[in-house]
Amino acid sequence: MPKVADMILATAHRGSVEAPIDPDIAVLLDADTAILAAEEKRYSRYAADIRKEFAWVPEEAYRKDRTEVLKSFLARPRIFHTPIMFEEGEDSARQNLRGEIERLERTL
């Protein structure tokens, strides 16, 4: 059970920015963040859904906090941990994150 707990806790994305040593955790983290590499229109729907999920947060606070979260992903040397996700999704994810940050900062 400790491995399952470690896997679940890893999806909070609050740990080290280094690649996880456990390959199962690397796969899980990439699956959890795969949406970041989605086609732009799909990513926009995802971002809108996140806003709905946090509808109780005032707009200014949401924009500020969401921007910080997105910037923390961009600051990582790699967003994706597995070779295939890095190769196939890293550039798209970074582009999506930069685009969302730009939209959020327009009204800050």
C-alpha atoms as a PDB file:
ATOM      1  CA  MET A   1       0.000   0.000   0.000  1.00  0.00           C
ATOM      2  CA  PRO A   2       2.853   2.516   0.545  1.00  0.00           C
ATOM      3  CA  LYS A   3       3.583   2.602  -3.212  1.00  0.00           C
ATOM      4  CA  VAL A   4      -0.048   3.383  -4.000  1.00  0.00           C
ATOM      5  CA  ALA A   5       0.004   6.165  -1.425  1.00  0.00           C
ATOM      6  CA  ASP A   6       3.243   7.521  -2.912  1.00  0.00           C
ATOM      7  CA  MET A   7       1.679   7.473  -6.368  1.00  0.00           C
ATOM      8  CA  ILE A   8      -1.422   9.323  -5.212  1.00  0.00           C
ATOM      9  CA  LEU A   9       0.610  11.921  -3.331  1.00  0.00           C
ATOM     10  CA  ALA A  10       2.832  12.467  -6.379  1.00  0.00           C
ATOM     11  CA  THR A  11      -0.175  13.637  -8.401  1.00  0.00           C
ATOM     12  CA  ALA A  12      -0.333  16.746  -6.203  1.00  0.00           C
ATOM     13  CA  HIS A  13       2.771  17.855  -8.184  1.00  0.00           C
ATOM     14  CA  ARG A  14       4.247  19.492  -5.101  1.00  0.00           C
ATOM     15  CA  GLY A  15       7.351  17.386  -4.780  1.00  0.00           C
ATOM     16  CA  SER A  16      10.679  17.571  -6.512  1.00  0.00           C
ATOM     17  CA  VAL A  17      10.802  18.859 -10.065  1.00  0.00           C
ATOM     18  CA  GLU A  18      13.294  16.114 -10.827  1.00  0.00           C
ATOM     19  CA  ALA A  19      12.121  13.044 -12.679  1.00  0.00           C
ATOM     20  CA  PRO A  20      10.743  10.416 -10.309  1.00  0.00           C
ATOM     21  CA  ILE A  21      12.960   7.400  -9.786  1.00  0.00           C
ATOM     22  CA  ASP A  22       9.993   5.028  -9.864  1.00  0.00           C
ATOM     23  CA  PRO A  23       8.957   4.449 -13.502  1.00  0.00           C
ATOM     24  CA  ASP A  24       5.354   3.725 -12.455  1.00  0.00           C
ATOM     25  CA  ILE A  25       5.125   7.151 -10.830  1.00  0.00           C
ATOM     26  CA  ALA A  26       6.634   8.745 -13.943  1.00  0.00           C
ATOM     27  CA  VAL A  27       3.929   7.153 -16.110  1.00  0.00           C
ATOM     28  CA  LEU A  28       1.176   8.181 -13.687  1.00  0.00           C
ATOM     29  CA  LEU A  29       2.400  11.781 -13.544  1.00  0.00           C
ATOM     30  CA  ASP A  30       2.556  11.989 -17.318  1.00  0.00           C
ATOM     31  CA  ALA A  31      -0.946  10.565 -17.602  1.00  0.00           C
ATOM     32  CA  ASP A  32      -2.149  13.097 -15.033  1.00  0.00           C
ATOM     33  CA  THR A  33      -0.682  16.034 -16.959  1.00  0.00           C
ATOM     34  CA  ALA A  34      -1.175  14.765 -20.530  1.00  0.00           C
ATOM     35  CA  ILE A  35      -4.006  17.284 -21.049  1.00  0.00           C
ATOM     36  CA  LEU A  36      -1.391  20.037 -20.958  1.00  0.00           C
ATOM     37  CA  ALA A  37      -0.191  18.847 -24.380  1.00  0.00           C
ATOM     38  CA  ALA A  38      -3.661  18.690 -25.927  1.00  0.00           C
ATOM     39  CA  GLU A  39      -4.609  20.460 -29.131  1.00  0.00           C
ATOM     40  CA  GLU A  40      -5.186  24.175 -28.401  1.00  0.00           C
ATOM     41  CA  LYS A  41      -8.994  24.061 -28.619  1.00  0.00           C
ATOM     42  CA  ARG A  42      -9.168  21.058 -26.281  1.00  0.00           C
ATOM     43  CA  TYR A  43      -6.735  22.674 -23.861  1.00  0.00           C
ATOM     44  CA  SER A  44      -8.900  25.817 -23.790  1.00  0.00           C
ATOM     45  CA  ARG A  45     -11.914  23.698 -22.800  1.00  0.00           C
ATOM     46  CA  TYR A  46      -9.831  22.101 -20.050  1.00  0.00           C
ATOM     47  CA  ALA A  47      -8.743  25.527 -18.764  1.00  0.00           C
ATOM     48  CA  ALA A  48     -12.383  26.696 -18.750  1.00  0.00           C
ATOM     49  CA  ASP A  49     -13.366  23.548 -16.833  1.00  0.00           C
ATOM     50  CA  ILE A  50     -10.674  24.261 -14.234  1.00  0.00           C
ATOM     51  CA  ARG A  51     -12.108  27.742 -13.783  1.00  0.00           C
ATOM     52  CA  LYS A  52     -15.588  26.239 -13.266  1.00  0.00           C
ATOM     53  CA  GLU A  53     -14.163  23.838 -10.690  1.00  0.00           C
ATOM     54  CA  PHE A  54     -12.830  26.830  -8.768  1.00  0.00           C
ATOM     55  CA  ALA A  55     -15.835  29.098  -9.374  1.00  0.00           C
ATOM     56  CA  TRP A  56     -15.932  29.900  -5.659  1.00  0.00           C
ATOM     57  CA  VAL A  57     -12.538  31.661  -5.935  1.00  0.00           C
ATOM     58  CA  PRO A  58     -12.755  35.391  -6.741  1.00  0.00           C
ATOM     59  CA  GLU A  59     -11.585  36.198 -10.274  1.00  0.00           C
ATOM     60  CA  GLU A  60      -8.485  38.217  -9.364  1.00  0.00           C
ATOM     61  CA  ALA A  61      -7.273  35.604  -6.864  1.00  0.00           C
ATOM     62  CA  TYR A  62      -7.946  32.788  -9.332  1.00  0.00           C
ATOM     63  CA  ARG A  63      -5.982  34.480 -12.106  1.00  0.00           C
ATOM     64  CA  LYS A  64      -3.040  35.187  -9.795  1.00  0.00           C
ATOM     65  CA  ASP A  65      -2.932  31.692  -8.265  1.00  0.00           C
ATOM     66  CA  ARG A  66      -3.535  29.858 -11.549  1.00  0.00           C
ATOM     67  CA  THR A  67      -0.760  31.879 -13.185  1.00  0.00           C
ATOM     68  CA  GLU A  68       1.629  30.878 -10.387  1.00  0.00           C
ATOM     69  CA  VAL A  69       0.761  27.195 -10.831  1.00  0.00           C
ATOM     70  CA  LEU A  70       1.251  27.348 -14.590  1.00  0.00           C
ATOM     71  CA  LYS A  71       4.546  29.205 -14.233  1.00  0.00           C
ATOM     72  CA  SER A  72       5.757  26.539 -11.802  1.00  0.00           C
ATOM     73  CA  PHE A  73       5.228  23.923 -14.526  1.00  0.00           C
ATOM     74  CA  LEU A  74       7.069  26.081 -17.078  1.00  0.00           C
ATOM     75  CA  ALA A  75       9.982  26.529 -14.670  1.00  0.00           C
ATOM     76  CA  ARG A  76      10.634  22.805 -14.610  1.00  0.00           C
ATOM     77  CA  PRO A  77      13.418  21.456 -16.792  1.00  0.00           C
ATOM     78  CA  ARG A  78      10.852  18.954 -18.111  1.00  0.00           C
ATOM     79  CA  ILE A  79       7.079  18.829 -17.715  1.00  0.00           C
ATOM     80  CA  PHE A  80       6.885  15.204 -18.812  1.00  0.00           C
ATOM     81  CA  HIS A  81       8.981  12.425 -17.327  1.00  0.00           C
ATOM     82  CA  THR A  82       8.699   9.548 -19.792  1.00  0.00           C
ATOM     83  CA  PRO A  83      10.612   9.707 -23.075  1.00  0.00           C
ATOM     84  CA  ILE A  84       7.497   9.357 -25.245  1.00  0.00           C
ATOM     85  CA  MET A  85       5.527  12.110 -23.514  1.00  0.00           C
ATOM     86  CA  PHE A  86       8.539  14.390 -23.484  1.00  0.00           C
ATOM     87  CA  GLU A  87       9.101  13.844 -27.197  1.00  0.00           C
ATOM     88  CA  GLU A  88       5.442  14.036 -28.202  1.00  0.00           C
ATOM     89  CA  GLY A  89       4.026  16.583 -25.781  1.00  0.00           C
ATOM     90  CA  GLU A  90       6.622  18.841 -24.169  1.00  0.00           C
ATOM     91  CA  ASP A  91       6.558  21.616 -26.773  1.00  0.00           C
ATOM     92  CA  SER A  92       2.753  21.638 -27.046  1.00  0.00           C
ATOM     93  CA  ALA A  93       2.357  21.701 -23.279  1.00  0.00           C
ATOM     94  CA  ARG A  94       4.720  24.637 -22.923  1.00  0.00           C
ATOM     95  CA  GLN A  95       2.912  26.504 -25.690  1.00  0.00           C
ATOM     96  CA  ASN A  96      -0.485  25.868 -24.053  1.00  0.00           C
ATOM     97  CA  LEU A  97       0.775  26.977 -20.652  1.00  0.00           C
ATOM     98  CA  ARG A  98       2.308  30.171 -22.059  1.00  0.00           C
ATOM     99  CA  GLY A  99      -0.940  30.934 -23.904  1.00  0.00           C
ATOM    100  CA  GLU A 100      -3.062  30.478 -20.808  1.00  0.00           C
ATOM    101  CA  ILE A 101      -0.689  32.613 -18.725  1.00  0.00           C
ATOM    102  CA  GLU A 102      -0.899  35.341 -21.337  1.00  0.00           C
ATOM    103  CA  ARG A 103      -4.721  35.274 -21.238  1.00  0.00           C
ATOM    104  CA  LEU A 104      -4.775  35.277 -17.429  1.00  0.00           C
ATOM    105  CA  GLU A 105      -2.313  38.158 -17.157  1.00  0.00           C
ATOM    106  CA  ARG A 106      -4.188  40.383 -19.609  1.00  0.00           C
ATOM    107  CA  THR A 107      -6.625  41.331 -16.901  1.00  0.00           C
ATOM    108  CA  LEU A 108      -4.418  41.237 -13.834  1.00  0.00           C
END
